[in-house]
C-alpha atoms as a PDB file:
ATOM      1  CA  UNK A   1     104.485  93.270  78.454  1.00  0.00           C
ATOM      2  CA  UNK A   2     101.265  94.486  80.257  1.00  0.00           C
ATOM      3  CA  UNK A   3     101.389  97.425  82.474  1.00  0.00           C
ATOM      4  CA  UNK A   4      99.600  95.619  85.407  1.00  0.00           C
ATOM      5  CA  UNK A   5     100.171  91.991  86.069  1.00  0.00           C
ATOM      6  CA  UNK A   6      96.568  89.984  85.681  1.00  0.00           C
ATOM      7  CA  UNK A   7      94.608  90.559  89.549  1.00  0.00           C
ATOM      8  CA  UNK A   8      91.845  88.273  90.179  1.00  0.00           C
ATOM      9  CA  UNK A   9      89.360  87.901  92.649  1.00  0.00           C
ATOM     10  CA  UNK A  10      88.709  84.640  94.392  1.00  0.00           C
ATOM     11  CA  UNK A  11      86.638  83.029  96.946  1.00  0.00           C
ATOM     12  CA  UNK A  12      88.536  83.027 100.433  1.00  0.00           C
ATOM     13  CA  UNK A  13      87.645  79.728 100.992  1.00  0.00           C
ATOM     14  CA  UNK A  14      89.983  78.418  98.150  1.00  0.00           C
ATOM     15  CA  UNK A  15      92.634  80.449  99.616  1.00  0.00           C
ATOM     16  CA  UNK A  16      95.222  78.181 101.858  1.00  0.00           C
ATOM     17  CA  UNK A  17      97.983  79.536 103.959  1.00  0.00           C
ATOM     18  CA  UNK A  18     101.235  77.538 104.092  1.00  0.00           C
ATOM     19  CA  UNK A  19     102.768  78.815 107.391  1.00  0.00           C
ATOM     20  CA  UNK A  20     101.018  80.092 110.889  1.00  0.00           C
ATOM     21  CA  UNK A  21     100.084  83.575 111.511  1.00  0.00           C
ATOM     22  CA  UNK A  22     101.080  85.792 114.556  1.00  0.00           C
ATOM     23  CA  UNK A  23      97.600  86.387 116.255  1.00  0.00           C
ATOM     24  CA  UNK A  24      98.547  89.692 117.338  1.00  0.00           C
ATOM     25  CA  UNK A  25      99.447  91.051 113.910  1.00  0.00           C
ATOM     26  CA  UNK A  26      96.583  89.216 113.083  1.00  0.00           C
ATOM     27  CA  UNK A  27      94.446  91.887 115.140  1.00  0.00           C
ATOM     28  CA  UNK A  28      96.181  94.712 114.192  1.00  0.00           C
ATOM     29  CA  UNK A  29      95.708  94.226 110.471  1.00  0.00           C
ATOM     30  CA  UNK A  30      91.832  93.616 111.326  1.00  0.00           C
ATOM     31  CA  UNK A  31      91.741  96.859 113.108  1.00  0.00           C
ATOM     32  CA  UNK A  32      93.286  98.813 109.900  1.00  0.00           C
ATOM     33  CA  UNK A  33      91.389  97.029 107.526  1.00  0.00           C
ATOM     34  CA  UNK A  34      88.172  97.595 109.613  1.00  0.00           C
ATOM     35  CA  UNK A  35      89.329 101.225 109.832  1.00  0.00           C
ATOM     36  CA  UNK A  36      90.153 101.632 105.938  1.00  0.00           C
ATOM     37  CA  UNK A  37      87.549  99.743 104.803  1.00  0.00           C
ATOM     38  CA  UNK A  38      89.888  98.801 101.682  1.00  0.00           C
ATOM     39  CA  UNK A  39      92.381  95.766 100.994  1.00  0.00           C
ATOM     40  CA  UNK A  40      95.651  97.653 100.703  1.00  0.00           C
ATOM     41  CA  UNK A  41      98.250  94.905  98.787  1.00  0.00           C
ATOM     42  CA  UNK A  42      96.685  91.872  96.606  1.00  0.00           C
ATOM     43  CA  UNK A  43      97.374  88.529  98.438  1.00  0.00           C
ATOM     44  CA  UNK A  44     100.892  86.677  96.400  1.00  0.00           C
ATOM     45  CA  UNK A  45      99.258  83.191  95.704  1.00  0.00           C
ATOM     46  CA  UNK A  46     100.304  80.135  93.400  1.00  0.00           C
ATOM     47  CA  UNK A  47      97.545  78.294  91.656  1.00  0.00           C
ATOM     48  CA  UNK A  48      97.626  74.816  93.352  1.00  0.00           C
ATOM     49  CA  UNK A  49      94.776  71.600  93.234  1.00  0.00           C
ATOM     50  CA  UNK A  50      91.957  72.536  95.083  1.00  0.00           C
ATOM     51  CA  UNK A  51      92.627  76.515  95.375  1.00  0.00           C
ATOM     52  CA  UNK A  52      95.303  79.143  95.605  1.00  0.00           C
ATOM     53  CA  UNK A  53      98.258  78.697  98.357  1.00  0.00           C
ATOM     54  CA  UNK A  54      99.148  81.915 100.004  1.00  0.00           C
ATOM     55  CA  UNK A  55     103.166  82.839  99.205  1.00  0.00           C
ATOM     56  CA  UNK A  56     102.930  86.225 100.450  1.00  0.00           C
ATOM     57  CA  UNK A  57     100.050  87.616 102.671  1.00  0.00           C
ATOM     58  CA  UNK A  58      99.063  85.344 105.300  1.00  0.00           C
ATOM     59  CA  UNK A  59      98.043  87.496 107.843  1.00  0.00           C
ATOM     60  CA  UNK A  60      96.335  89.709 105.317  1.00  0.00           C
ATOM     61  CA  UNK A  61      94.414  86.370 104.275  1.00  0.00           C
ATOM     62  CA  UNK A  62      93.883  85.828 107.624  1.00  0.00           C
ATOM     63  CA  UNK A  63      92.363  89.001 108.826  1.00  0.00           C
ATOM     64  CA  UNK A  64      89.820  89.060 105.730  1.00  0.00           C
ATOM     65  CA  UNK A  65      88.471  85.952 106.471  1.00  0.00           C
ATOM     66  CA  UNK A  66      87.669  87.153 110.049  1.00  0.00           C
ATOM     67  CA  UNK A  67      86.079  89.836 108.615  1.00  0.00           C
ATOM     68  CA  UNK A  68      83.639  87.551 107.099  1.00  0.00           C
ATOM     69  CA  UNK A  69      84.647  88.740 103.572  1.00  0.00           C
ATOM     70  CA  UNK A  70      83.374  86.472 100.950  1.00  0.00           C
ATOM     71  CA  UNK A  71      86.760  87.270  98.159  1.00  0.00           C
ATOM     72  CA  UNK A  72      89.777  88.416  98.167  1.00  0.00           C
ATOM     73  CA  UNK A  73      92.048  89.686  95.456  1.00  0.00           C
ATOM     74  CA  UNK A  74      95.207  87.934  94.621  1.00  0.00           C
ATOM     75  CA  UNK A  75      98.013  87.910  92.080  1.00  0.00           C
ATOM     76  CA  UNK A  76      98.517  84.406  91.032  1.00  0.00           C
ATOM     77  CA  UNK A  77     102.560  84.049  90.349  1.00  0.00           C
ATOM     78  CA  UNK A  78     104.113  80.917  88.765  1.00  0.00           C
ATOM     79  CA  UNK A  79     106.025  79.097  91.439  1.00  0.00           C
ATOM     80  CA  UNK A  80     109.197  79.066  88.599  1.00  0.00           C
ATOM     81  CA  UNK A  81     109.093  82.885  88.700  1.00  0.00           C
ATOM     82  CA  UNK A  82     109.945  83.572  92.108  1.00  0.00           C
ATOM     83  CA  UNK A  83     112.688  82.777  94.418  1.00  0.00           C
ATOM     84  CA  UNK A  84     112.053  81.644  98.180  1.00  0.00           C
ATOM     85  CA  UNK A  85     114.626  82.978 101.057  1.00  0.00           C
ATOM     86  CA  UNK A  86     114.623  81.963 104.104  1.00  0.00           C
ATOM     87  CA  UNK A  87     114.020  84.602 107.401  1.00  0.00           C
ATOM     88  CA  UNK A  88     115.873  83.856 110.801  1.00  0.00           C
ATOM     89  CA  UNK A  89     114.495  84.388 113.862  1.00  0.00           C
ATOM     90  CA  UNK A  90     117.091  86.905 116.089  1.00  0.00           C
ATOM     91  CA  UNK A  91     115.935  87.176 119.763  1.00  0.00           C
ATOM     92  CA  UNK A  92     117.096  90.114 121.516  1.00  0.00           C
ATOM     93  CA  UNK A  93     117.671  92.217 124.711  1.00  0.00           C
ATOM     94  CA  UNK A  94     116.751  89.168 127.079  1.00  0.00           C
ATOM     95  CA  UNK A  95     118.680  86.960 129.528  1.00  0.00           C
ATOM     96  CA  UNK A  96     120.010  83.617 126.828  1.00  0.00           C
ATOM     97  CA  UNK A  97     119.249  81.145 130.011  1.00  0.00           C
ATOM     98  CA  UNK A  98     115.579  82.209 129.883  1.00  0.00           C
ATOM     99  CA  UNK A  99     115.039  81.086 126.420  1.00  0.00           C
ATOM    100  CA  UNK A 100     117.034  78.341 126.456  1.00  0.00           C
ATOM    101  CA  UNK A 101     114.939  77.015 129.466  1.00  0.00           C
ATOM    102  CA  UNK A 102     111.749  78.051 127.465  1.00  0.00           C
ATOM    103  CA  UNK A 103     112.811  75.797 124.846  1.00  0.00           C
ATOM    104  CA  UNK A 104     113.799  72.724 126.961  1.00  0.00           C
ATOM    105  CA  UNK A 105     110.721  72.934 128.754  1.00  0.00           C
ATOM    106  CA  UNK A 106     108.583  71.928 125.487  1.00  0.00           C
ATOM    107  CA  UNK A 107     108.958  68.433 125.575  1.00  0.00           C
ATOM    108  CA  UNK A 108     108.386  67.662 122.090  1.00  0.00           C
ATOM    109  CA  UNK A 109     111.867  69.364 121.627  1.00  0.00           C
ATOM    110  CA  UNK A 110     115.148  68.127 121.895  1.00  0.00           C
ATOM    111  CA  UNK A 111     118.538  69.526 122.222  1.00  0.00           C
ATOM    112  CA  UNK A 112     121.479  67.696 120.294  1.00  0.00           C
ATOM    113  CA  UNK A 113     125.170  68.782 120.382  1.00  0.00           C
ATOM    114  CA  UNK A 114     125.433  67.945 116.333  1.00  0.00           C
ATOM    115  CA  UNK A 115     122.758  67.927 112.946  1.00  0.00           C
ATOM    116  CA  UNK A 116     121.514  70.555 110.424  1.00  0.00           C
ATOM    117  CA  UNK A 117     119.091  73.312 111.462  1.00  0.00           C
ATOM    118  CA  UNK A 118     117.048  74.243 113.208  1.00  0.00           C
ATOM    119  CA  UNK A 119     119.713  75.338 115.432  1.00  0.00           C
ATOM    120  CA  UNK A 120     120.302  77.955 118.210  1.00  0.00           C
ATOM    121  CA  UNK A 121     122.990  79.775 119.262  1.00  0.00           C
ATOM    122  CA  UNK A 122     122.983  81.630 122.543  1.00  0.00           C
ATOM    123  CA  UNK A 123     125.063  84.340 122.535  1.00  0.00           C
ATOM    124  CA  UNK A 124     127.314  83.194 125.697  1.00  0.00           C
ATOM    125  CA  UNK A 125     127.346  79.615 124.380  1.00  0.00           C
ATOM    126  CA  UNK A 126     127.618  77.142 121.585  1.00  0.00           C
ATOM    127  CA  UNK A 127     125.424  76.165 118.995  1.00  0.00           C
ATOM    128  CA  UNK A 128     122.496  74.129 120.348  1.00  0.00           C
ATOM    129  CA  UNK A 129     120.715  71.762 117.538  1.00  0.00           C
ATOM    130  CA  UNK A 130     116.813  70.899 117.532  1.00  0.00           C
ATOM    131  CA  UNK A 131     115.066  67.645 117.258  1.00  0.00           C
ATOM    132  CA  UNK A 132     111.299  67.088 117.668  1.00  0.00           C
ATOM    133  CA  UNK A 133     110.172  64.090 119.237  1.00  0.00           C
ATOM    134  CA  UNK A 134     107.018  62.424 117.154  1.00  0.00           C
ATOM    135  CA  UNK A 135     106.737  65.795 115.275  1.00  0.00           C
ATOM    136  CA  UNK A 136     106.716  66.345 111.495  1.00  0.00           C
ATOM    137  CA  UNK A 137     109.858  68.522 110.285  1.00  0.00           C
ATOM    138  CA  UNK A 138     107.174  71.621 110.162  1.00  0.00           C
ATOM    139  CA  UNK A 139     105.488  70.898 113.495  1.00  0.00           C
ATOM    140  CA  UNK A 140     109.150  71.039 114.885  1.00  0.00           C
ATOM    141  CA  UNK A 141     109.710  74.368 113.472  1.00  0.00           C
ATOM    142  CA  UNK A 142     106.337  75.590 115.074  1.00  0.00           C
ATOM    143  CA  UNK A 143     106.628  74.169 118.115  1.00  0.00           C
ATOM    144  CA  UNK A 144     110.360  75.825 118.210  1.00  0.00           C
ATOM    145  CA  UNK A 145     108.684  79.499 117.195  1.00  0.00           C
ATOM    146  CA  UNK A 146     106.089  78.949 119.803  1.00  0.00           C
ATOM    147  CA  UNK A 147     108.694  79.080 122.664  1.00  0.00           C
ATOM    148  CA  UNK A 148     109.493  82.335 122.157  1.00  0.00           C
ATOM    149  CA  UNK A 149     107.427  84.015 119.964  1.00  0.00           C
ATOM    150  CA  UNK A 150     105.034  86.876 122.036  1.00  0.00           C
ATOM    151  CA  UNK A 151     107.817  86.608 125.180  1.00  0.00           C
ATOM    152  CA  UNK A 152     110.468  88.532 123.615  1.00  0.00           C
ATOM    153  CA  UNK A 153     111.587  90.415 120.759  1.00  0.00           C
ATOM    154  CA  UNK A 154     112.142  88.936 117.548  1.00  0.00           C
ATOM    155  CA  UNK A 155     113.735  90.678 114.480  1.00  0.00           C
ATOM    156  CA  UNK A 156     114.275  88.611 110.996  1.00  0.00           C
ATOM    157  CA  UNK A 157     117.409  88.272 109.196  1.00  0.00           C
ATOM    158  CA  UNK A 158     118.429  86.465 105.884  1.00  0.00           C
ATOM    159  CA  UNK A 159     122.001  85.730 107.191  1.00  0.00           C
ATOM    160  CA  UNK A 160     122.543  83.977 110.141  1.00  0.00           C
ATOM    161  CA  UNK A 161     126.169  84.600 110.739  1.00  0.00           C
ATOM    162  CA  UNK A 162     127.312  85.944 114.280  1.00  0.00           C
ATOM    163  CA  UNK A 163     128.909  88.681 113.105  1.00  0.00           C
ATOM    164  CA  UNK A 164     126.010  89.795 110.635  1.00  0.00           C
ATOM    165  CA  UNK A 165     123.461  89.706 113.474  1.00  0.00           C
ATOM    166  CA  UNK A 166     126.074  91.381 115.981  1.00  0.00           C
ATOM    167  CA  UNK A 167     126.200  94.139 113.758  1.00  0.00           C
ATOM    168  CA  UNK A 168     122.653  94.510 112.755  1.00  0.00           C
ATOM    169  CA  UNK A 169     121.256  93.508 116.143  1.00  0.00           C
ATOM    170  CA  UNK A 170     123.704  94.658 119.069  1.00  0.00           C
ATOM    171  CA  UNK A 171     121.402  93.810 121.872  1.00  0.00           C
ATOM    172  CA  UNK A 172     121.072  89.774 120.141  1.00  0.00           C
ATOM    173  CA  UNK A 173     120.507  87.101 122.950  1.00  0.00           C
ATOM    174  CA  UNK A 174     119.581  84.153 120.617  1.00  0.00           C
ATOM    175  CA  UNK A 175     119.898  83.163 117.076  1.00  0.00           C
ATOM    176  CA  UNK A 176     117.925  80.690 115.814  1.00  0.00           C
ATOM    177  CA  UNK A 177     118.237  79.223 112.131  1.00  0.00           C
ATOM    178  CA  UNK A 178     116.002  77.545 110.193  1.00  0.00           C
ATOM    179  CA  UNK A 179     116.947  75.239 107.262  1.00  0.00           C
ATOM    180  CA  UNK A 180     116.311  76.185 103.722  1.00  0.00           C
ATOM    181  CA  UNK A 181     113.321  75.321 102.342  1.00  0.00           C
ATOM    182  CA  UNK A 182     112.066  75.193  98.425  1.00  0.00           C
ATOM    183  CA  UNK A 183     108.603  75.913  97.196  1.00  0.00           C
ATOM    184  CA  UNK A 184     107.867  72.140  96.540  1.00  0.00           C
ATOM    185  CA  UNK A 185     107.782  72.137 100.287  1.00  0.00           C
ATOM    186  CA  UNK A 186     105.684  75.194 101.126  1.00  0.00           C
ATOM    187  CA  UNK A 187     103.103  74.024  98.616  1.00  0.00           C
ATOM    188  CA  UNK A 188     102.943  70.672 100.477  1.00  0.00           C
ATOM    189  CA  UNK A 189     102.516  72.318 103.543  1.00  0.00           C
ATOM    190  CA  UNK A 190      99.677  74.277 102.422  1.00  0.00           C
ATOM    191  CA  UNK A 191      97.851  71.362 100.879  1.00  0.00           C
ATOM    192  CA  UNK A 192      98.757  68.881 103.393  1.00  0.00           C
ATOM    193  CA  UNK A 193      97.810  71.236 106.200  1.00  0.00           C
ATOM    194  CA  UNK A 194     101.186  70.830 107.721  1.00  0.00           C
ATOM    195  CA  UNK A 195     101.660  74.372 108.199  1.00  0.00           C
ATOM    196  CA  UNK A 196     105.381  75.830 108.528  1.00  0.00           C
ATOM    197  CA  UNK A 197     105.676  78.764 111.307  1.00  0.00           C
ATOM    198  CA  UNK A 198     105.135  82.159 110.923  1.00  0.00           C
ATOM    199  CA  UNK A 199     107.887  84.212 109.826  1.00  0.00           C
ATOM    200  CA  UNK A 200     110.458  81.797 107.946  1.00  0.00           C
ATOM    201  CA  UNK A 201     109.555  81.717 104.418  1.00  0.00           C
ATOM    202  CA  UNK A 202     110.405  84.736 102.167  1.00  0.00           C
ATOM    203  CA  UNK A 203     109.620  85.453  98.699  1.00  0.00           C
ATOM    204  CA  UNK A 204     110.601  87.464  96.029  1.00  0.00           C
ATOM    205  CA  UNK A 205     108.260  88.058  93.019  1.00  0.00           C
ATOM    206  CA  UNK A 206     109.040  89.991  90.481  1.00  0.00           C
ATOM    207  CA  UNK A 207     106.655  92.613  88.928  1.00  0.00           C
ATOM    208  CA  UNK A 208     104.639  92.368  92.417  1.00  0.00           C
ATOM    209  CA  UNK A 209     101.617  94.682  92.417  1.00  0.00           C
ATOM    210  CA  UNK A 210     101.312  97.183  95.641  1.00  0.00           C
ATOM    211  CA  UNK A 211      98.824  99.841  96.640  1.00  0.00           C
ATOM    212  CA  UNK A 212      95.983  98.131  95.055  1.00  0.00           C
ATOM    213  CA  UNK A 213      93.503  99.908  97.915  1.00  0.00           C
ATOM    214  CA  UNK A 214      90.479  97.886  96.417  1.00  0.00           C
ATOM    215  CA  UNK A 215      87.361  99.204  98.720  1.00  0.00           C
ATOM    216  CA  UNK A 216      86.024  96.485 100.475  1.00  0.00           C
ATOM    217  CA  UNK A 217      82.457  96.440  99.497  1.00  0.00           C
ATOM    218  CA  UNK A 218      83.674  94.775  95.772  1.00  0.00           C
ATOM    219  CA  UNK A 219      84.649  91.610  98.394  1.00  0.00           C
ATOM    220  CA  UNK A 220      81.593  91.447 100.725  1.00  0.00           C
ATOM    221  CA  UNK A 221      78.745  88.964 100.052  1.00  0.00           C
ATOM    222  CA  UNK A 222      78.459  86.013  97.852  1.00  0.00           C
ATOM    223  CA  UNK A 223      77.604  88.137  94.904  1.00  0.00           C
ATOM    224  CA  UNK A 224      78.754  87.557  91.091  1.00  0.00           C
ATOM    225  CA  UNK A 225      82.445  86.741  90.919  1.00  0.00           C
ATOM    226  CA  UNK A 226      82.356  87.656  87.372  1.00  0.00           C
ATOM    227  CA  UNK A 227      80.839  90.435  88.047  1.00  0.00           C
ATOM    228  CA  UNK A 228      83.385  91.404  90.669  1.00  0.00           C
ATOM    229  CA  UNK A 229      86.292  90.496  88.272  1.00  0.00           C
ATOM    230  CA  UNK A 230      85.085  93.138  85.727  1.00  0.00           C
ATOM    231  CA  UNK A 231      84.723  95.634  88.358  1.00  0.00           C
ATOM    232  CA  UNK A 232      88.536  94.909  89.614  1.00  0.00           C
ATOM    233  CA  UNK A 233      89.504  95.108  85.657  1.00  0.00           C
ATOM    234  CA  UNK A 234      87.636  98.203  85.390  1.00  0.00           C
ATOM    235  CA  UNK A 235      89.409  99.883  88.173  1.00  0.00           C
ATOM    236  CA  UNK A 236      92.570  98.663  87.151  1.00  0.00           C
ATOM    237  CA  UNK A 237      92.132 100.416  83.545  1.00  0.00           C
ATOM    238  CA  UNK A 238      90.658 103.533  84.907  1.00  0.00           C
ATOM    239  CA  UNK A 239      94.122 103.713  86.968  1.00  0.00           C
ATOM    240  CA  UNK A 240      95.995 103.243  84.337  1.00  0.00           C
ATOM    241  CA  UNK A 241      93.987 105.692  81.836  1.00  0.00           C
ATOM    242  CA  UNK A 242      94.450 107.955  84.592  1.00  0.00           C
ATOM    243  CA  UNK A 243      98.316 107.898  84.809  1.00  0.00           C
ATOM    244  CA  UNK A 244      98.115 106.542  87.921  1.00  0.00           C
ATOM    245  CA  UNK A 245     100.397 103.541  87.313  1.00  0.00           C
ATOM    246  CA  UNK A 246     103.995 102.980  87.622  1.00  0.00           C
ATOM    247  CA  UNK A 247     106.209 100.339  87.184  1.00  0.00           C
ATOM    248  CA  UNK A 248     109.721 100.431  89.034  1.00  0.00           C
ATOM    249  CA  UNK A 249     112.596  98.341  87.360  1.00  0.00           C
ATOM    250  CA  UNK A 250     115.001  99.499  90.322  1.00  0.00           C
ATOM    251  CA  UNK A 251     115.041  98.322  94.072  1.00  0.00           C
ATOM    252  CA  UNK A 252     112.781 100.205  95.760  1.00  0.00           C
ATOM    253  CA  UNK A 253     112.725 100.692  99.581  1.00  0.00           C
ATOM    254  CA  UNK A 254     108.828 101.393 101.495  1.00  0.00           C
ATOM    255  CA  UNK A 255     109.065 103.372 104.453  1.00  0.00           C
ATOM    256  CA  UNK A 256     105.212 102.710 105.401  1.00  0.00           C
ATOM    257  CA  UNK A 257     104.643  99.524 104.915  1.00  0.00           C
END
C-alpha cells in the first residue's frame, strides 16, 4: 500500500461539479486562497466520460476557476470505494411561518400532505412534503434550498429525526429532509448539468489526502501538464522522505478546517 494515494494535476476545464455552490462560501475561499497562495486540499473526484466529477470540493473548484487558474490537483477515487450519505438542513432561530411562507412564495414548488422527501417539518406544525411543478427532481431540491439559504442560519445534520435535531440544535425552527441518493445519481447530475443543491451530499472517502498545501504557481498558466505532474510527484516524495507524511487509521477530528 502506497503511503500517499495517487494525486493528479488536471485541467480545471475538465472538472465538473455535481452540485450548486454557495456564492458567499466561494467568495470566502477566493480571499483565503488569494492570500495564502496555496491549494490546501486535493479535490476529490471520480473519473467520468469527458473529465472528472467532483465528489467533494465544489466550492474549492469554483474558487480556483474564479481565480483564473488552469489546473487543479485532484485525488481520483473509485466510486465503488466511497460511501455517500445525505445531509439534511436545519433552519434555526427564526419564525417558522416566515420560512413556510417563503417556500410557498416559490411558484415552482407545491406543498402536499403525504409523499416521500423532500419534506419540511416546522417546529410548531406537521410535516409538509414538497413537489416541483415542471421541474426535474434535482431542480426541485435546488428551488427549495434557494428559498432559505442566505436568509437564515442553516446547519447540516445526518439524522433528521426531531429528537436528534432538538438535542443538537435547541433553537431549530424547520427541518428540511432530502431524499436518499446514490453515486450514480450524483454522476448523472454532473454529466447532465442537472445539478443538486449545495450542501446535500456527503462523501466518506477512504484514504482522503489532506493538507497538501501546493503552491498556486504550479497551477497557473497552461504550461506542460506532464511537467506539472512531475513537480507534484516530486513534492509528495520529498515530504515523504522528510517524514512529513502521516497516515491515521483511526477517526480524526479536525478543529481548523
